[in-house]
């Protein structure tokens, strides 16, 4: 039972830190464009290296 007196506040500190990190990331613009990185993988590059052999 005594361990809970330590573990519960530590768990609340971890949750608070995670929430603050998430809010910081949202404020910093990390989640502004979620569509382009997924589509960028399948888009064809304009610069194609065409070597004549």
N, C-alpha and C. Protein backbone atom coordinates (compact mmCIF):
# COMPACT_ATOMS: atom_id res chain seq x y z
N UNK A 1 0.82 -1.20 0.00
CA UNK A 1 0.00 0.00 0.00
C UNK A 1 0.86 1.25 0.00
N UNK A 2 1.99 1.16 0.65
CA UNK A 2 2.86 2.33 0.73
C UNK A 2 3.45 2.67 -0.64
N UNK A 3 3.58 1.66 -1.49
CA UNK A 3 4.13 1.91 -2.83
C UNK A 3 3.17 2.76 -3.66
N UNK A 4 1.87 2.62 -3.41
CA UNK A 4 0.90 3.42 -4.16
C UNK A 4 1.03 4.90 -3.85
N UNK A 5 1.46 5.25 -2.65
CA UNK A 5 1.65 6.65 -2.29
C UNK A 5 2.77 7.29 -3.12
N UNK A 6 3.65 6.49 -3.64
CA UNK A 6 4.71 6.98 -4.51
C UNK A 6 4.33 6.84 -5.98
N UNK A 7 3.74 5.70 -6.34
CA UNK A 7 3.49 5.43 -7.75
C UNK A 7 2.37 6.28 -8.35
N UNK A 8 1.34 6.57 -7.60
CA UNK A 8 0.23 7.37 -8.13
C UNK A 8 0.68 8.79 -8.47
N UNK A 9 1.39 9.51 -7.59
CA UNK A 9 1.87 10.84 -7.99
C UNK A 9 2.87 10.79 -9.15
N UNK A 10 3.71 9.78 -9.19
CA UNK A 10 4.65 9.65 -10.31
C UNK A 10 3.88 9.42 -11.61
N UNK A 11 2.83 8.62 -11.56
CA UNK A 11 2.02 8.39 -12.76
C UNK A 11 1.34 9.68 -13.21
N UNK A 12 0.85 10.46 -12.26
CA UNK A 12 0.25 11.75 -12.62
C UNK A 12 1.28 12.69 -13.23
N UNK A 13 2.50 12.65 -12.76
CA UNK A 13 3.55 13.49 -13.34
C UNK A 13 3.85 13.06 -14.78
N UNK A 14 3.90 11.75 -15.03
CA UNK A 14 4.13 11.27 -16.39
C UNK A 14 2.99 11.67 -17.33
N UNK A 15 1.76 11.55 -16.86
CA UNK A 15 0.61 11.93 -17.69
C UNK A 15 0.64 13.43 -17.95
N UNK A 16 0.96 14.21 -16.94
CA UNK A 16 1.06 15.66 -17.13
C UNK A 16 2.14 16.04 -18.12
N UNK A 17 3.28 15.36 -18.05
CA UNK A 17 4.36 15.63 -18.99
C UNK A 17 3.96 15.24 -20.42
N UNK A 18 3.24 14.13 -20.56
CA UNK A 18 2.79 13.72 -21.89
C UNK A 18 1.78 14.70 -22.47
N UNK A 19 0.89 15.20 -21.64
CA UNK A 19 -0.09 16.18 -22.11
C UNK A 19 0.61 17.47 -22.51
N UNK A 20 1.56 17.92 -21.71
CA UNK A 20 2.30 19.13 -22.05
C UNK A 20 3.10 18.95 -23.34
N UNK A 21 3.71 17.79 -23.53
CA UNK A 21 4.45 17.53 -24.77
C UNK A 21 3.52 17.52 -25.97
N UNK A 22 2.33 16.96 -25.82
CA UNK A 22 1.36 16.95 -26.91
C UNK A 22 0.90 18.36 -27.24
N UNK A 23 0.58 19.15 -26.22
CA UNK A 23 0.14 20.52 -26.46
C UNK A 23 1.25 21.35 -27.10
N UNK A 24 2.49 21.12 -26.70
CA UNK A 24 3.61 21.82 -27.29
C UNK A 24 3.75 21.46 -28.77
N UNK A 25 3.58 20.18 -29.09
CA UNK A 25 3.68 19.75 -30.48
C UNK A 25 2.56 20.33 -31.33
N UNK A 26 1.36 20.39 -30.78
CA UNK A 26 0.24 20.98 -31.51
C UNK A 26 0.49 22.46 -31.73
N UNK A 27 0.96 23.16 -30.73
CA UNK A 27 1.24 24.58 -30.84
C UNK A 27 2.39 24.86 -31.81
N UNK A 28 3.32 23.93 -31.91
CA UNK A 28 4.48 24.09 -32.78
C UNK A 28 4.16 23.75 -34.24
N UNK A 29 2.97 23.18 -34.50
CA UNK A 29 2.55 22.91 -35.87
C UNK A 29 2.92 21.53 -36.37
N UNK A 30 3.19 20.60 -35.49
CA UNK A 30 3.59 19.26 -35.92
C UNK A 30 2.46 18.51 -36.62
N UNK A 31 1.21 18.86 -36.35
CA UNK A 31 0.08 18.12 -36.89
C UNK A 31 -0.71 18.94 -37.90
N UNK A 32 -0.10 19.99 -38.47
CA UNK A 32 -0.81 20.83 -39.41
C UNK A 32 -1.08 20.13 -40.73
N UNK A 33 -0.11 19.42 -41.26
CA UNK A 33 -0.25 18.77 -42.56
C UNK A 33 -0.01 17.27 -42.38
N UNK A 34 -1.09 16.54 -42.32
CA UNK A 34 -0.97 15.09 -42.12
C UNK A 34 -1.15 14.32 -43.43
N UNK A 35 -1.58 14.99 -44.50
CA UNK A 35 -1.86 14.29 -45.75
C UNK A 35 -0.64 14.23 -46.67
N UNK A 36 0.12 15.30 -46.77
CA UNK A 36 1.22 15.36 -47.74
C UNK A 36 2.31 14.32 -47.52
N UNK A 37 2.78 14.07 -46.30
CA UNK A 37 3.83 13.07 -46.15
C UNK A 37 3.42 11.68 -46.62
N UNK A 38 2.17 11.32 -46.47
CA UNK A 38 1.72 10.00 -46.91
C UNK A 38 1.66 9.92 -48.43
N UNK A 39 1.31 11.01 -49.07
CA UNK A 39 1.17 11.01 -50.52
C UNK A 39 2.53 11.22 -51.19
N UNK A 40 3.44 11.89 -50.52
CA UNK A 40 4.75 12.19 -51.08
C UNK A 40 5.53 10.92 -51.43
N UNK A 41 5.26 9.85 -50.73
CA UNK A 41 5.98 8.60 -50.98
C UNK A 41 5.63 8.03 -52.35
N UNK A 42 4.39 8.16 -52.77
CA UNK A 42 3.96 7.56 -54.03
C UNK A 42 4.02 8.52 -55.21
N UNK A 43 4.32 9.79 -54.97
CA UNK A 43 4.42 10.75 -56.06
C UNK A 43 5.73 10.54 -56.82
N UNK A 44 5.66 10.70 -58.13
CA UNK A 44 6.84 10.51 -58.96
C UNK A 44 7.73 11.74 -58.88
N UNK A 45 9.02 11.52 -58.78
CA UNK A 45 9.97 12.63 -58.75
C UNK A 45 10.08 13.24 -60.14
N UNK A 46 10.28 14.56 -60.18
CA UNK A 46 10.46 15.23 -61.46
C UNK A 46 11.84 14.95 -62.05
N UNK A 47 12.82 14.83 -61.20
CA UNK A 47 14.19 14.60 -61.65
C UNK A 47 14.47 13.10 -61.70
N UNK A 48 14.40 12.55 -62.90
CA UNK A 48 14.65 11.12 -63.08
C UNK A 48 16.02 10.98 -63.73
N UNK A 49 16.83 10.14 -63.17
CA UNK A 49 18.18 9.93 -63.68
C UNK A 49 18.11 8.92 -64.83
N UNK A 50 18.18 9.43 -66.06
CA UNK A 50 18.11 8.55 -67.22
C UNK A 50 19.51 8.42 -67.82
N UNK A 51 20.15 7.34 -67.51
CA UNK A 51 21.50 7.10 -68.03
C UNK A 51 21.41 6.27 -69.30
N UNK A 52 22.15 6.73 -70.30
CA UNK A 52 22.20 5.98 -71.55
C UNK A 52 23.37 5.02 -71.52
N UNK A 53 23.08 3.78 -71.69
CA UNK A 53 24.15 2.77 -71.64
C UNK A 53 24.43 2.22 -73.00
